[in-house]
Amino acid sequence: MTLLVLIIDIVLTIPLSIIHNYLERHQVGSLPQIIFPSIYIIILSALIPAVKENIFLIIIFEIFLRNFYITNITNENALNNTSYIGRDIVGILVGILTYSFFISKVNSVLPSAEEFKSFLWFIMIVYLISLLKNDTNFKKISEKKVETNHSEEYYLMQFAKYKTKYNYLIKSKDKMVNNLIYGIMIYESDHKPTIIRKIEEVGGNFTSREVKYGIMQIPSKIKLTDEETIVMSIKQLEHTFKNSKLSKENKIELALENKYQDNEATKEKIKQIYQYINKFTEN
């Protein structure tokens, strides 16, 4: 890479930073903010082939530029926000993969006539699907499919998987505690997969703020393993249940209230998973 190309890369970082700040101000989701920098370097590689070499560096330069702006102009500390750190790390990885497996492997990123024809067909198919989604009958079918994907059988398969893995840890004398632990575990794993948890945990290493750790998503200022969060959760539930004279259903409600406060949708989903597990283990 020549010095001229490096300077051009730095200059081309400015439009990306402006667009990124625009997306952030308008509260666009994390996924578009992760993907857009890679789209940006693909477009630049097509328009300015001379700067194609190591063009992924633009994404890294933009992150430094944005953090400099946030820290020195707005007087905020972006490093205290673990979600920003995790998003930026993923954005860099996506950019490197885009460069390594696509941009650097082809002479031109512009599609050929044959590839463009395939792309047009893809656009038409997506458009037709979007029309169908607006159709009431299609919506009803889609909703039924979603329910099927999250059926009782699905949750019981997840229960079997985690019971095999963590049975040596989850052995409270109170069966209700054990089943609720599995219910929370299954929900949290579906809601936040391992890769996302690991990225957030890495971000937490650079701050002094609380981060949710482990498969049970326990807030902590120090790193916790999956196993440690399971043990802590069991102790918390046992304490809650032991010191309450409520009915079984109300004990579960209290335990979930302590963990999820006013998030009714989450509490209802966990209670549903718990009921599936409880019914299965009673048989």
Protein backbone atom coordinates (compact mmCIF):
# COMPACT_ATOMS: atom_id res chain seq x y z
CA MET A 1 0.00 0.00 0.00
CA THR A 2 1.45 3.39 -1.04
CA LEU A 3 1.31 6.52 1.10
CA LEU A 4 -1.08 8.13 -1.41
CA VAL A 5 -3.54 5.24 -1.13
CA LEU A 6 -3.33 5.41 2.66
CA ILE A 7 -4.13 9.14 2.59
CA ILE A 8 -7.07 8.52 0.23
CA ASP A 9 -8.36 5.81 2.60
CA ILE A 10 -8.24 8.25 5.50
CA VAL A 11 -10.12 10.89 3.47
CA LEU A 12 -12.73 8.33 2.41
CA THR A 13 -13.27 7.55 6.09
CA ILE A 14 -14.99 10.95 6.58
CA PRO A 15 -18.15 10.20 4.47
CA LEU A 16 -18.50 6.83 6.22
CA SER A 17 -18.27 8.52 9.62
CA ILE A 18 -20.90 11.10 8.64
CA ILE A 19 -23.28 8.38 7.44
CA HIS A 20 -22.61 6.30 10.55
CA ASN A 21 -23.43 9.25 12.83
CA TYR A 22 -26.61 9.85 10.82
CA LEU A 23 -27.70 6.22 11.34
CA GLU A 24 -26.93 6.49 15.04
CA ARG A 25 -28.87 9.74 15.50
CA HIS A 26 -31.90 8.19 13.83
CA GLN A 27 -31.61 5.15 16.13
CA VAL A 28 -31.14 2.65 13.32
CA GLY A 29 -30.62 -0.91 14.65
CA SER A 30 -27.21 -2.44 15.33
CA LEU A 31 -27.30 -4.81 12.35
CA PRO A 32 -27.48 -2.07 9.65
CA GLN A 33 -24.68 -0.20 11.44
CA ILE A 34 -22.55 -3.37 11.39
CA ILE A 35 -23.26 -4.22 7.75
CA PHE A 36 -23.18 -0.75 6.16
CA PRO A 37 -19.37 -0.18 6.46
CA SER A 38 -18.78 -3.39 4.47
CA ILE A 39 -21.28 -2.24 1.83
CA TYR A 40 -19.45 1.10 1.73
CA ILE A 41 -16.04 -0.48 1.01
CA ILE A 42 -17.60 -2.71 -1.68
CA ILE A 43 -19.02 0.36 -3.43
CA LEU A 44 -15.68 2.19 -3.15
CA SER A 45 -13.84 -0.84 -4.56
CA ALA A 46 -16.17 -0.75 -7.57
CA LEU A 47 -15.91 3.01 -8.13
CA ILE A 48 -12.21 3.45 -7.27
CA PRO A 49 -10.36 0.16 -7.96
CA ALA A 50 -7.02 1.83 -7.20
CA VAL A 51 -7.83 1.97 -3.47
CA LYS A 52 -9.05 -1.63 -3.27
CA GLU A 53 -5.94 -2.95 -1.54
CA ASN A 54 -6.54 -3.29 2.24
CA ILE A 55 -9.65 -1.13 1.92
CA PHE A 56 -11.05 -2.69 5.11
CA LEU A 57 -8.73 -0.27 6.97
CA ILE A 58 -11.32 2.44 6.25
CA ILE A 59 -13.67 0.74 8.74
CA ILE A 60 -10.97 0.77 11.43
CA PHE A 61 -10.04 4.40 10.68
CA GLU A 62 -13.74 5.36 10.94
CA ILE A 63 -14.06 3.83 14.39
CA PHE A 64 -11.03 5.78 15.62
CA LEU A 65 -12.39 8.98 14.03
CA ARG A 66 -15.86 8.49 15.55
CA ASN A 67 -14.45 7.74 19.02
CA PHE A 68 -12.20 10.81 18.77
CA TYR A 69 -15.26 12.92 17.90
CA ILE A 70 -17.36 11.45 20.73
CA THR A 71 -14.60 11.78 23.32
CA ASN A 72 -13.19 15.20 22.38
CA ILE A 73 -16.12 17.05 20.79
CA THR A 74 -19.20 15.73 22.59
CA ASN A 75 -17.23 14.99 25.81
CA GLU A 76 -18.73 11.50 26.14
CA ASN A 77 -16.87 8.26 26.75
CA ALA A 78 -17.78 5.67 24.11
CA LEU A 79 -15.59 3.06 25.82
CA ASN A 80 -18.08 2.93 28.68
CA ASN A 81 -20.76 1.60 26.35
CA THR A 82 -20.17 -2.12 25.86
CA SER A 83 -22.81 -2.36 23.14
CA TYR A 84 -20.79 0.13 21.02
CA ILE A 85 -17.59 -1.80 21.60
CA GLY A 86 -19.20 -5.12 20.69
CA ARG A 87 -20.82 -3.64 17.59
CA ASP A 88 -17.53 -2.09 16.43
CA ILE A 89 -15.63 -5.37 16.92
CA VAL A 90 -18.22 -7.27 14.88
CA GLY A 91 -18.19 -4.52 12.23
CA ILE A 92 -14.41 -4.84 11.85
CA LEU A 93 -14.64 -8.63 11.58
CA VAL A 94 -17.38 -8.41 8.94
CA GLY A 95 -15.28 -5.87 7.01
CA ILE A 96 -12.18 -8.06 7.11
CA LEU A 97 -14.17 -11.10 5.97
CA THR A 98 -15.78 -9.07 3.17
CA TYR A 99 -12.35 -7.96 1.99
CA SER A 100 -10.65 -11.37 2.39
CA PHE A 101 -13.33 -13.54 0.80
CA PHE A 102 -14.78 -11.16 -1.77
CA ILE A 103 -13.03 -7.89 -2.60
CA SER A 104 -9.45 -9.22 -2.67
CA LYS A 105 -10.46 -12.37 -4.61
CA VAL A 106 -11.89 -10.68 -7.71
CA ASN A 107 -10.53 -8.31 -10.33
CA SER A 108 -13.72 -6.26 -10.28
CA VAL A 109 -16.49 -6.23 -7.66
CA LEU A 110 -18.97 -5.06 -10.31
CA PRO A 111 -21.26 -7.89 -11.45
CA SER A 112 -21.09 -9.28 -14.96
CA ALA A 113 -24.17 -9.22 -17.20
CA GLU A 114 -25.00 -12.82 -16.22
CA GLU A 115 -24.60 -12.07 -12.52
CA PHE A 116 -26.69 -8.92 -12.87
CA LYS A 117 -29.47 -10.94 -14.47
CA SER A 118 -29.48 -13.28 -11.48
CA PHE A 119 -29.55 -10.28 -9.17
CA LEU A 120 -32.63 -8.87 -10.96
CA TRP A 121 -34.41 -12.19 -10.49
CA PHE A 122 -33.50 -12.10 -6.81
CA ILE A 123 -34.93 -8.56 -6.47
CA MET A 124 -38.17 -9.64 -8.18
CA ILE A 125 -38.52 -12.64 -5.86
CA VAL A 126 -37.93 -10.47 -2.78
CA TYR A 127 -40.50 -7.96 -4.08
CA LEU A 128 -43.11 -10.69 -4.64
CA ILE A 129 -42.47 -12.05 -1.14
CA SER A 130 -42.93 -8.56 0.33
CA LEU A 131 -46.28 -8.29 -1.49
CA LEU A 132 -47.35 -11.63 -0.06
CA LYS A 133 -46.39 -10.56 3.44
CA ASN A 134 -48.87 -7.70 3.20
CA ASP A 135 -51.61 -10.18 2.37
CA THR A 136 -53.73 -11.06 5.43
CA ASN A 137 -53.93 -14.78 4.65
CA PHE A 138 -50.16 -15.01 4.21
CA LYS A 139 -49.66 -13.30 7.58
CA LYS A 140 -51.82 -15.91 9.27
CA ILE A 141 -49.75 -18.70 7.69
CA SER A 142 -46.49 -17.00 8.75
CA GLU A 143 -47.72 -16.65 12.33
CA LYS A 144 -48.57 -20.35 12.45
CA LYS A 145 -45.05 -21.20 11.22
CA VAL A 146 -43.49 -19.06 13.95
CA GLU A 147 -45.56 -20.89 16.56
CA THR A 148 -44.42 -24.22 15.11
CA ASN A 149 -40.76 -23.16 15.28
CA HIS A 150 -41.21 -22.46 19.00
CA SER A 151 -43.33 -25.46 19.83
CA GLU A 152 -43.33 -27.51 23.01
CA GLU A 153 -41.14 -30.12 21.30
CA TYR A 154 -38.53 -27.48 20.45
CA TYR A 155 -38.26 -26.31 24.06
CA LEU A 156 -38.13 -29.88 25.37
CA MET A 157 -35.25 -30.61 22.99
CA GLN A 158 -33.43 -27.58 24.38
CA PHE A 159 -34.21 -28.81 27.90
CA ALA A 160 -32.70 -32.22 27.10
CA LYS A 161 -29.58 -30.56 25.67
CA TYR A 162 -28.94 -28.33 28.68
CA LYS A 163 -29.89 -31.02 31.19
CA THR A 164 -27.23 -33.28 29.66
CA LYS A 165 -24.67 -30.49 29.86
CA TYR A 166 -25.46 -28.99 33.29
CA ASN A 167 -27.17 -31.78 35.21
CA TYR A 168 -24.17 -32.05 37.54
CA LEU A 169 -24.75 -28.43 38.63
CA ILE A 170 -28.53 -28.11 38.62
CA LYS A 171 -29.55 -30.43 41.45
CA SER A 172 -31.48 -28.37 43.96
CA LYS A 173 -33.72 -30.26 46.38
CA ASP A 174 -36.55 -28.07 45.11
CA LYS A 175 -37.66 -29.41 41.71
CA MET A 176 -39.35 -26.08 40.96
CA VAL A 177 -35.99 -24.33 41.23
CA ASN A 178 -34.34 -26.75 38.82
CA ASN A 179 -37.10 -26.48 36.21
CA LEU A 180 -37.20 -22.69 36.40
CA ILE A 181 -33.41 -22.53 36.02
CA TYR A 182 -33.68 -24.54 32.81
CA GLY A 183 -36.55 -22.31 31.64
CA ILE A 184 -34.52 -19.13 32.15
CA MET A 185 -31.46 -20.75 30.57
CA ILE A 186 -33.37 -21.77 27.43
CA TYR A 187 -34.95 -18.33 27.08
CA GLU A 188 -31.67 -16.44 27.55
CA SER A 189 -29.82 -18.71 25.11
CA ASP A 190 -32.48 -18.18 22.45
CA HIS A 191 -32.66 -14.46 23.15
CA LYS A 192 -28.89 -13.87 23.20
CA PRO A 193 -26.74 -16.55 21.49
CA THR A 194 -23.27 -17.44 22.81
CA ILE A 195 -21.38 -15.35 20.21
CA ILE A 196 -23.27 -12.17 21.17
CA ARG A 197 -22.71 -12.83 24.87
CA LYS A 198 -18.98 -13.33 24.30
CA ILE A 199 -18.68 -10.07 22.34
CA GLU A 200 -20.45 -8.13 25.10
CA GLU A 201 -18.23 -9.78 27.70
CA VAL A 202 -15.10 -8.75 25.79
CA GLY A 203 -16.42 -5.18 25.77
CA GLY A 204 -17.00 -5.44 29.51
CA ASN A 205 -13.29 -6.09 30.06
CA PHE A 206 -12.58 -2.50 28.97
CA THR A 207 -15.04 -0.80 31.34
CA SER A 208 -15.84 -0.72 35.04
CA ARG A 209 -19.58 -0.89 34.45
CA GLU A 210 -21.84 -3.87 35.09
CA VAL A 211 -22.19 -6.31 32.20
CA LYS A 212 -24.52 -9.30 31.99
CA TYR A 213 -22.40 -12.44 32.09
CA GLY A 214 -22.96 -16.09 31.39
CA ILE A 215 -25.80 -18.22 30.17
CA MET A 216 -28.05 -16.91 32.97
CA GLN A 217 -27.16 -13.27 32.18
CA ILE A 218 -26.20 -12.16 35.70
CA PRO A 219 -25.18 -8.46 35.97
CA SER A 220 -21.67 -8.13 37.40
CA LYS A 221 -18.60 -5.91 37.34
CA ILE A 222 -16.34 -8.96 37.32
CA LYS A 223 -16.27 -11.74 34.75
CA LEU A 224 -18.48 -14.74 35.49
CA THR A 225 -18.50 -18.12 33.76
CA ASP A 226 -21.67 -19.90 32.63
CA GLU A 227 -21.30 -22.30 35.55
CA GLU A 228 -20.90 -19.49 38.08
CA THR A 229 -24.05 -17.75 36.86
CA ILE A 230 -25.99 -21.03 37.13
CA VAL A 231 -24.87 -21.58 40.74
CA MET A 232 -25.70 -17.96 41.63
CA SER A 233 -29.14 -18.23 40.03
CA ILE A 234 -29.92 -21.45 41.93
CA LYS A 235 -28.99 -19.79 45.25
CA GLN A 236 -31.12 -16.73 44.41
CA LEU A 237 -34.17 -18.84 43.55
CA GLU A 238 -33.76 -21.08 46.60
CA HIS A 239 -33.59 -18.00 48.82
CA THR A 240 -36.67 -16.46 47.18
CA PHE A 241 -38.73 -19.64 47.41
CA LYS A 242 -37.63 -20.50 50.96
CA ASN A 243 -38.54 -17.08 52.35
CA SER A 244 -41.92 -16.86 50.66
CA LYS A 245 -45.24 -18.32 51.81
CA LEU A 246 -46.85 -17.74 48.43
CA SER A 247 -48.28 -20.45 46.18
CA LYS A 248 -46.00 -22.15 43.64
CA GLU A 249 -47.32 -19.99 40.79
CA ASN A 250 -46.86 -16.79 42.78
CA LYS A 251 -43.35 -17.81 43.86
CA ILE A 252 -42.38 -18.17 40.21
CA GLU A 253 -43.99 -14.82 39.46
CA LEU A 254 -42.01 -13.20 42.30
CA ALA A 255 -38.72 -14.76 41.15
CA LEU A 256 -39.22 -13.55 37.58
CA GLU A 257 -40.33 -10.14 38.83
CA ASN A 258 -37.06 -9.81 40.75
CA LYS A 259 -35.02 -10.65 37.63
CA TYR A 260 -37.00 -9.07 34.77
CA GLN A 261 -39.03 -6.32 36.52
CA ASP A 262 -41.76 -5.05 34.15
CA ASN A 263 -40.78 -7.08 31.09
CA GLU A 264 -44.08 -8.96 30.88
CA ALA A 265 -43.37 -10.61 27.52
CA THR A 266 -40.15 -12.17 28.84
CA LYS A 267 -41.80 -13.37 32.05
CA GLU A 268 -44.70 -14.96 30.15
CA LYS A 269 -42.34 -16.73 27.74
CA ILE A 270 -40.23 -18.15 30.58
CA LYS A 271 -43.35 -19.31 32.45
CA GLN A 272 -44.51 -21.05 29.28
CA ILE A 273 -41.15 -22.85 28.91
CA TYR A 274 -41.23 -23.73 32.62
CA GLN A 275 -44.69 -25.25 32.25
CA TYR A 276 -43.52 -27.41 29.32
CA ILE A 277 -40.56 -28.66 31.36
CA ASN A 278 -42.65 -29.20 34.49
CA LYS A 279 -45.25 -31.18 32.59
CA PHE A 280 -42.53 -33.29 30.95
CA THR A 281 -40.69 -34.07 34.19
CA GLU A 282 -43.91 -35.05 35.97
CA ASN A 283 -44.56 -37.82 33.44
